[in-house]
Amino acid sequence: MPLRGYEVMVPYVRFLSEKDVSRISLELMPPDLGKYETTEEFARMKDDGVTSLQFNIEVWNKEKRAKIMPYKGNIPLEKYLEAILLASGIFGPGKIYSVLIAGLNNKEELREASYKIIESGGIPSIEIFRPLKGTLMERYNPKIDYASILELNRDVQKSLKEKYGQQIFNSLEGCLNCGGCNMIKPK
């Protein structure tokens, strides 16, 4: 499936737009298209009323990705970064996000991934791993250095502020605006 889900969402997005919903944030995998077609698809999403997108990398290490996420983990990281770059060119600063999971990534992987996402025009959202009952990882209990995650988050906020200015934190949408799972929005 080359579009990885948007074609299923189109009627819902258009319905919400017709009802004057002002913010529509979608979580997608990167389209399996060439650069030109991907750019056109992102422009179509924006024309349909989508205002922000999430391309959640979640796990940075390629071997871990393949093991933990058998389908999604086989989509190359470069495809995610390209989607973030192309989408940020269409939607603008602060409108493209990617979740990274502490506990499935070590602090070096989180740092490297965060800065690659920022470099590509996106905003990294570092979230803490929570095991879900009934899943293969329900008993996985990673050791998480919360102090280093908080320090990295401060560094990420500083980098975002330097790149986009303080106002970037006023235009967050979707999951980042809620702040329930992430720590990106400064108090």
C-alpha atoms as a PDB file:
ATOM      1  CA  MET A   1       0.000   0.000   0.000  1.00  0.00           C
ATOM      2  CA  PRO A   2       2.017   3.000  -1.228  1.00  0.00           C
ATOM      3  CA  LEU A   3       0.207   5.712   0.784  1.00  0.00           C
ATOM      4  CA  ARG A   4       0.192   3.699   4.018  1.00  0.00           C
ATOM      5  CA  GLY A   5      -3.193   4.827   5.251  1.00  0.00           C
ATOM      6  CA  TYR A   6      -4.093   8.328   4.129  1.00  0.00           C
ATOM      7  CA  GLU A   7      -6.422   7.162   1.363  1.00  0.00           C
ATOM      8  CA  VAL A   8      -8.584   5.570   4.085  1.00  0.00           C
ATOM      9  CA  MET A   9      -8.663   8.819   6.085  1.00  0.00           C
ATOM     10  CA  VAL A  10      -9.584  11.193   3.251  1.00  0.00           C
ATOM     11  CA  PRO A  11     -13.378  11.103   3.782  1.00  0.00           C
ATOM     12  CA  TYR A  12     -12.992  11.729   7.515  1.00  0.00           C
ATOM     13  CA  VAL A  13     -10.522  14.579   7.026  1.00  0.00           C
ATOM     14  CA  ARG A  14     -12.791  16.226   4.462  1.00  0.00           C
ATOM     15  CA  PHE A  15     -15.822  15.780   6.721  1.00  0.00           C
ATOM     16  CA  LEU A  16     -13.984  17.459   9.613  1.00  0.00           C
ATOM     17  CA  SER A  17     -12.861  20.287   7.324  1.00  0.00           C
ATOM     18  CA  GLU A  18     -16.429  20.844   6.165  1.00  0.00           C
ATOM     19  CA  LYS A  19     -17.460  21.095   9.840  1.00  0.00           C
ATOM     20  CA  ASP A  20     -14.833  23.849  10.290  1.00  0.00           C
ATOM     21  CA  VAL A  21     -12.539  21.821  12.538  1.00  0.00           C
ATOM     22  CA  SER A  22      -9.495  24.089  12.577  1.00  0.00           C
ATOM     23  CA  ARG A  23      -6.803  21.567  13.548  1.00  0.00           C
ATOM     24  CA  ILE A  24      -6.487  18.093  12.094  1.00  0.00           C
ATOM     25  CA  SER A  25      -3.394  16.132  13.060  1.00  0.00           C
ATOM     26  CA  LEU A  26      -2.703  12.732  11.519  1.00  0.00           C
ATOM     27  CA  GLU A  27      -0.299   9.969  12.478  1.00  0.00           C
ATOM     28  CA  LEU A  28       1.008   8.143   9.402  1.00  0.00           C
ATOM     29  CA  MET A  29       3.865   6.072   8.136  1.00  0.00           C
ATOM     30  CA  PRO A  30       5.818   7.758   5.338  1.00  0.00           C
ATOM     31  CA  PRO A  31       4.281   7.303   1.892  1.00  0.00           C
ATOM     32  CA  ASP A  32       6.050   4.759  -0.308  1.00  0.00           C
ATOM     33  CA  LEU A  33       6.315   7.154  -3.228  1.00  0.00           C
ATOM     34  CA  GLY A  34       9.002   9.160  -4.968  1.00  0.00           C
ATOM     35  CA  LYS A  35       9.891  12.675  -3.729  1.00  0.00           C
ATOM     36  CA  TYR A  36       7.683  14.472  -6.247  1.00  0.00           C
ATOM     37  CA  GLU A  37       4.657  12.248  -5.601  1.00  0.00           C
ATOM     38  CA  THR A  38       5.188  12.430  -1.835  1.00  0.00           C
ATOM     39  CA  THR A  39       5.323  16.229  -1.969  1.00  0.00           C
ATOM     40  CA  GLU A  40       2.116  16.263  -4.026  1.00  0.00           C
ATOM     41  CA  GLU A  41       0.441  13.919  -1.540  1.00  0.00           C
ATOM     42  CA  PHE A  42       1.396  16.152   1.409  1.00  0.00           C
ATOM     43  CA  ALA A  43       0.057  19.189  -0.481  1.00  0.00           C
ATOM     44  CA  ARG A  44      -3.210  17.287  -1.049  1.00  0.00           C
ATOM     45  CA  MET A  45      -3.421  16.477   2.671  1.00  0.00           C
ATOM     46  CA  LYS A  46      -2.974  20.148   3.505  1.00  0.00           C
ATOM     47  CA  ASP A  47      -5.578  21.151   0.902  1.00  0.00           C
ATOM     48  CA  ASP A  48      -7.959  18.601   2.455  1.00  0.00           C
ATOM     49  CA  GLY A  49      -7.592  20.361   5.821  1.00  0.00           C
ATOM     50  CA  VAL A  50      -4.798  18.460   7.583  1.00  0.00           C
ATOM     51  CA  THR A  51      -2.752  20.898   9.684  1.00  0.00           C
ATOM     52  CA  SER A  52      -0.022  18.658  11.159  1.00  0.00           C
ATOM     53  CA  LEU A  53       1.481  15.195  10.745  1.00  0.00           C
ATOM     54  CA  GLN A  54       3.288  12.641  12.880  1.00  0.00           C
ATOM     55  CA  PHE A  55       5.743  10.119  11.443  1.00  0.00           C
ATOM     56  CA  ASN A  56       6.681   8.154  14.548  1.00  0.00           C
ATOM     57  CA  ILE A  57      10.094   6.556  14.248  1.00  0.00           C
ATOM     58  CA  GLU A  58       9.853   5.214  17.826  1.00  0.00           C
ATOM     59  CA  VAL A  59      13.025   3.059  17.678  1.00  0.00           C
ATOM     60  CA  TRP A  60      16.206   4.462  16.106  1.00  0.00           C
ATOM     61  CA  ASN A  61      18.519   1.421  16.028  1.00  0.00           C
ATOM     62  CA  LYS A  62      17.877  -0.501  12.784  1.00  0.00           C
ATOM     63  CA  GLU A  63      18.354  -3.978  14.307  1.00  0.00           C
ATOM     64  CA  LYS A  64      16.044  -3.190  17.235  1.00  0.00           C
ATOM     65  CA  ARG A  65      13.468  -1.711  14.835  1.00  0.00           C
ATOM     66  CA  ALA A  66      13.325  -4.908  12.798  1.00  0.00           C
ATOM     67  CA  LYS A  67      12.987  -7.056  15.917  1.00  0.00           C
ATOM     68  CA  ILE A  68      10.460  -4.952  17.849  1.00  0.00           C
ATOM     69  CA  MET A  69       8.413  -3.689  14.900  1.00  0.00           C
ATOM     70  CA  PRO A  70       8.470  -6.407  12.209  1.00  0.00           C
ATOM     71  CA  TYR A  71       6.574  -4.429   9.523  1.00  0.00           C
ATOM     72  CA  LYS A  72       7.157  -0.806  10.460  1.00  0.00           C
ATOM     73  CA  GLY A  73      10.750  -1.535  11.444  1.00  0.00           C
ATOM     74  CA  ASN A  74      11.568  -2.474   7.872  1.00  0.00           C
ATOM     75  CA  ILE A  75      10.717   0.993   6.585  1.00  0.00           C
ATOM     76  CA  PRO A  76      14.120   2.681   6.330  1.00  0.00           C
ATOM     77  CA  LEU A  77      14.863   5.521   8.742  1.00  0.00           C
ATOM     78  CA  GLU A  78      15.869   7.571   5.711  1.00  0.00           C
ATOM     79  CA  LYS A  79      12.302   7.284   4.413  1.00  0.00           C
ATOM     80  CA  TYR A  80      10.995   8.733   7.698  1.00  0.00           C
ATOM     81  CA  LEU A  81      13.510  11.595   7.649  1.00  0.00           C
ATOM     82  CA  GLU A  82      12.705  12.342   4.003  1.00  0.00           C
ATOM     83  CA  ALA A  83       8.970  12.408   4.809  1.00  0.00           C
ATOM     84  CA  ILE A  84       9.625  14.777   7.731  1.00  0.00           C
ATOM     85  CA  LEU A  85      11.711  17.041   5.494  1.00  0.00           C
ATOM     86  CA  LEU A  86       9.206  17.103   2.628  1.00  0.00           C
ATOM     87  CA  ALA A  87       6.173  17.512   4.907  1.00  0.00           C
ATOM     88  CA  SER A  88       7.779  20.342   6.888  1.00  0.00           C
ATOM     89  CA  GLY A  89       8.287  22.160   3.582  1.00  0.00           C
ATOM     90  CA  ILE A  90       4.525  21.950   2.963  1.00  0.00           C
ATOM     91  CA  PHE A  91       3.088  22.392   6.463  1.00  0.00           C
ATOM     92  CA  GLY A  92       5.733  24.742   7.873  1.00  0.00           C
ATOM     93  CA  PRO A  93       7.741  24.888  11.094  1.00  0.00           C
ATOM     94  CA  GLY A  94       6.423  23.050  14.113  1.00  0.00           C
ATOM     95  CA  LYS A  95       3.841  20.983  12.259  1.00  0.00           C
ATOM     96  CA  ILE A  96       5.691  17.686  11.765  1.00  0.00           C
ATOM     97  CA  TYR A  97       6.514  15.413  14.696  1.00  0.00           C
ATOM     98  CA  SER A  98       8.123  12.077  15.428  1.00  0.00           C
ATOM     99  CA  VAL A  99       7.902  10.046  18.629  1.00  0.00           C
ATOM    100  CA  LEU A 100      10.989   8.360  20.055  1.00  0.00           C
ATOM    101  CA  ILE A 101      10.585   5.923  22.935  1.00  0.00           C
ATOM    102  CA  ALA A 102      12.878   6.050  25.969  1.00  0.00           C
ATOM    103  CA  GLY A 103      13.420   2.520  27.185  1.00  0.00           C
ATOM    104  CA  LEU A 104      13.495   1.130  23.658  1.00  0.00           C
ATOM    105  CA  ASN A 105      16.303   3.539  22.745  1.00  0.00           C
ATOM    106  CA  ASN A 106      19.362   4.320  24.846  1.00  0.00           C
ATOM    107  CA  LYS A 107      20.237   7.953  25.525  1.00  0.00           C
ATOM    108  CA  GLU A 108      22.765   8.114  22.652  1.00  0.00           C
ATOM    109  CA  GLU A 109      20.165   6.800  20.195  1.00  0.00           C
ATOM    110  CA  LEU A 110      17.592   9.273  21.525  1.00  0.00           C
ATOM    111  CA  ARG A 111      20.042  12.159  21.155  1.00  0.00           C
ATOM    112  CA  GLU A 112      21.132  11.199  17.624  1.00  0.00           C
ATOM    113  CA  ALA A 113      17.552  10.613  16.476  1.00  0.00           C
ATOM    114  CA  SER A 114      16.287  13.846  18.056  1.00  0.00           C
ATOM    115  CA  TYR A 115      18.840  15.968  16.239  1.00  0.00           C
ATOM    116  CA  LYS A 116      18.289  14.163  12.916  1.00  0.00           C
ATOM    117  CA  ILE A 117      14.560  14.880  13.253  1.00  0.00           C
ATOM    118  CA  ILE A 118      15.229  18.557  14.047  1.00  0.00           C
ATOM    119  CA  GLU A 119      17.695  18.758  11.143  1.00  0.00           C
ATOM    120  CA  SER A 120      14.963  17.368   8.869  1.00  0.00           C
ATOM    121  CA  GLY A 121      12.490  20.046   9.964  1.00  0.00           C
ATOM    122  CA  GLY A 122      10.544  18.052  12.525  1.00  0.00           C
ATOM    123  CA  ILE A 123      10.024  18.057  16.267  1.00  0.00           C
ATOM    124  CA  PRO A 124      11.088  14.996  18.234  1.00  0.00           C
ATOM    125  CA  SER A 125       8.793  13.859  21.030  1.00  0.00           C
ATOM    126  CA  ILE A 126      10.564  11.662  23.565  1.00  0.00           C
ATOM    127  CA  GLU A 127       8.095   9.462  25.378  1.00  0.00           C
ATOM    128  CA  ILE A 128       8.596   6.807  28.039  1.00  0.00           C
ATOM    129  CA  PHE A 129       8.000   3.131  27.212  1.00  0.00           C
ATOM    130  CA  ARG A 130       4.896   1.728  28.869  1.00  0.00           C
ATOM    131  CA  PRO A 131       4.276  -2.004  28.526  1.00  0.00           C
ATOM    132  CA  LEU A 132       0.795  -2.943  27.365  1.00  0.00           C
ATOM    133  CA  LYS A 133      -0.939  -5.900  28.941  1.00  0.00           C
ATOM    134  CA  GLY A 134      -1.494  -8.770  26.533  1.00  0.00           C
ATOM    135  CA  THR A 135       1.435  -7.868  24.271  1.00  0.00           C
ATOM    136  CA  LEU A 136       4.749  -9.655  23.781  1.00  0.00           C
ATOM    137  CA  MET A 137       6.478  -6.841  25.676  1.00  0.00           C
ATOM    138  CA  GLU A 138       4.096  -6.686  28.640  1.00  0.00           C
ATOM    139  CA  ARG A 139       6.847  -7.896  31.018  1.00  0.00           C
ATOM    140  CA  TYR A 140       9.606  -5.741  29.548  1.00  0.00           C
ATOM    141  CA  ASN A 141      10.794  -3.352  32.238  1.00  0.00           C
ATOM    142  CA  PRO A 142      13.628  -1.191  30.878  1.00  0.00           C
ATOM    143  CA  LYS A 143      16.011   0.742  33.084  1.00  0.00           C
ATOM    144  CA  ILE A 144      15.421   4.375  32.179  1.00  0.00           C
ATOM    145  CA  ASP A 145      17.738   7.158  33.289  1.00  0.00           C
ATOM    146  CA  TYR A 146      15.062   9.821  33.755  1.00  0.00           C
ATOM    147  CA  ALA A 147      17.590  12.533  34.624  1.00  0.00           C
ATOM    148  CA  SER A 148      19.356  12.113  31.269  1.00  0.00           C
ATOM    149  CA  ILE A 149      15.984  12.113  29.447  1.00  0.00           C
ATOM    150  CA  LEU A 150      15.053  15.397  31.130  1.00  0.00           C
ATOM    151  CA  GLU A 151      18.466  16.836  30.233  1.00  0.00           C
ATOM    152  CA  LEU A 152      18.081  15.736  26.597  1.00  0.00           C
ATOM    153  CA  ASN A 153      14.601  17.226  26.512  1.00  0.00           C
ATOM    154  CA  ARG A 154      15.986  20.578  27.711  1.00  0.00           C
ATOM    155  CA  ASP A 155      18.658  20.385  24.978  1.00  0.00           C
ATOM    156  CA  VAL A 156      16.007  19.592  22.356  1.00  0.00           C
ATOM    157  CA  GLN A 157      13.850  22.522  23.509  1.00  0.00           C
ATOM    158  CA  LYS A 158      16.882  24.816  23.336  1.00  0.00           C
ATOM    159  CA  SER A 159      17.695  23.624  19.782  1.00  0.00           C
ATOM    160  CA  LEU A 160      14.104  24.118  18.677  1.00  0.00           C
ATOM    161  CA  LYS A 161      14.051  27.597  20.224  1.00  0.00           C
ATOM    162  CA  GLU A 162      17.311  28.495  18.429  1.00  0.00           C
ATOM    163  CA  LYS A 163      16.013  27.195  15.096  1.00  0.00           C
ATOM    164  CA  TYR A 164      12.425  28.517  15.230  1.00  0.00           C
ATOM    165  CA  GLY A 165      12.133  30.923  18.168  1.00  0.00           C
ATOM    166  CA  GLN A 166      10.043  30.614  21.314  1.00  0.00           C
ATOM    167  CA  GLN A 167       6.801  30.920  19.325  1.00  0.00           C
ATOM    168  CA  ILE A 168       7.281  27.367  18.019  1.00  0.00           C
ATOM    169  CA  PHE A 169       5.934  26.102  21.349  1.00  0.00           C
ATOM    170  CA  ASN A 170       2.721  28.099  20.873  1.00  0.00           C
ATOM    171  CA  SER A 171       1.839  26.412  17.576  1.00  0.00           C
ATOM    172  CA  LEU A 172       2.089  22.752  18.577  1.00  0.00           C
ATOM    173  CA  GLU A 173      -0.802  20.502  17.608  1.00  0.00           C
ATOM    174  CA  GLY A 174      -1.990  16.971  18.176  1.00  0.00           C
ATOM    175  CA  CYS A 175      -0.106  14.895  20.712  1.00  0.00           C
ATOM    176  CA  LEU A 176       2.565  17.537  21.287  1.00  0.00           C
ATOM    177  CA  ASN A 177      -0.008  20.143  22.245  1.00  0.00           C
ATOM    178  CA  CYS A 178      -1.590  17.782  24.781  1.00  0.00           C
ATOM    179  CA  GLY A 179       1.714  17.052  26.520  1.00  0.00           C
ATOM    180  CA  GLY A 180       0.325  13.973  28.276  1.00  0.00           C
ATOM    181  CA  CYS A 181       2.990  11.578  26.999  1.00  0.00           C
ATOM    182  CA  ASN A 182       5.808  13.920  26.048  1.00  0.00           C
ATOM    183  CA  MET A 183       7.824  16.638  27.704  1.00  0.00           C
ATOM    184  CA  ILE A 184       8.472  18.950  24.764  1.00  0.00           C
ATOM    185  CA  LYS A 185       6.206  21.820  25.738  1.00  0.00           C
ATOM    186  CA  PRO A 186       8.042  24.063  28.195  1.00  0.00           C
ATOM    187  CA  LYS A 187       6.091  25.277  31.201  1.00  0.00           C
END
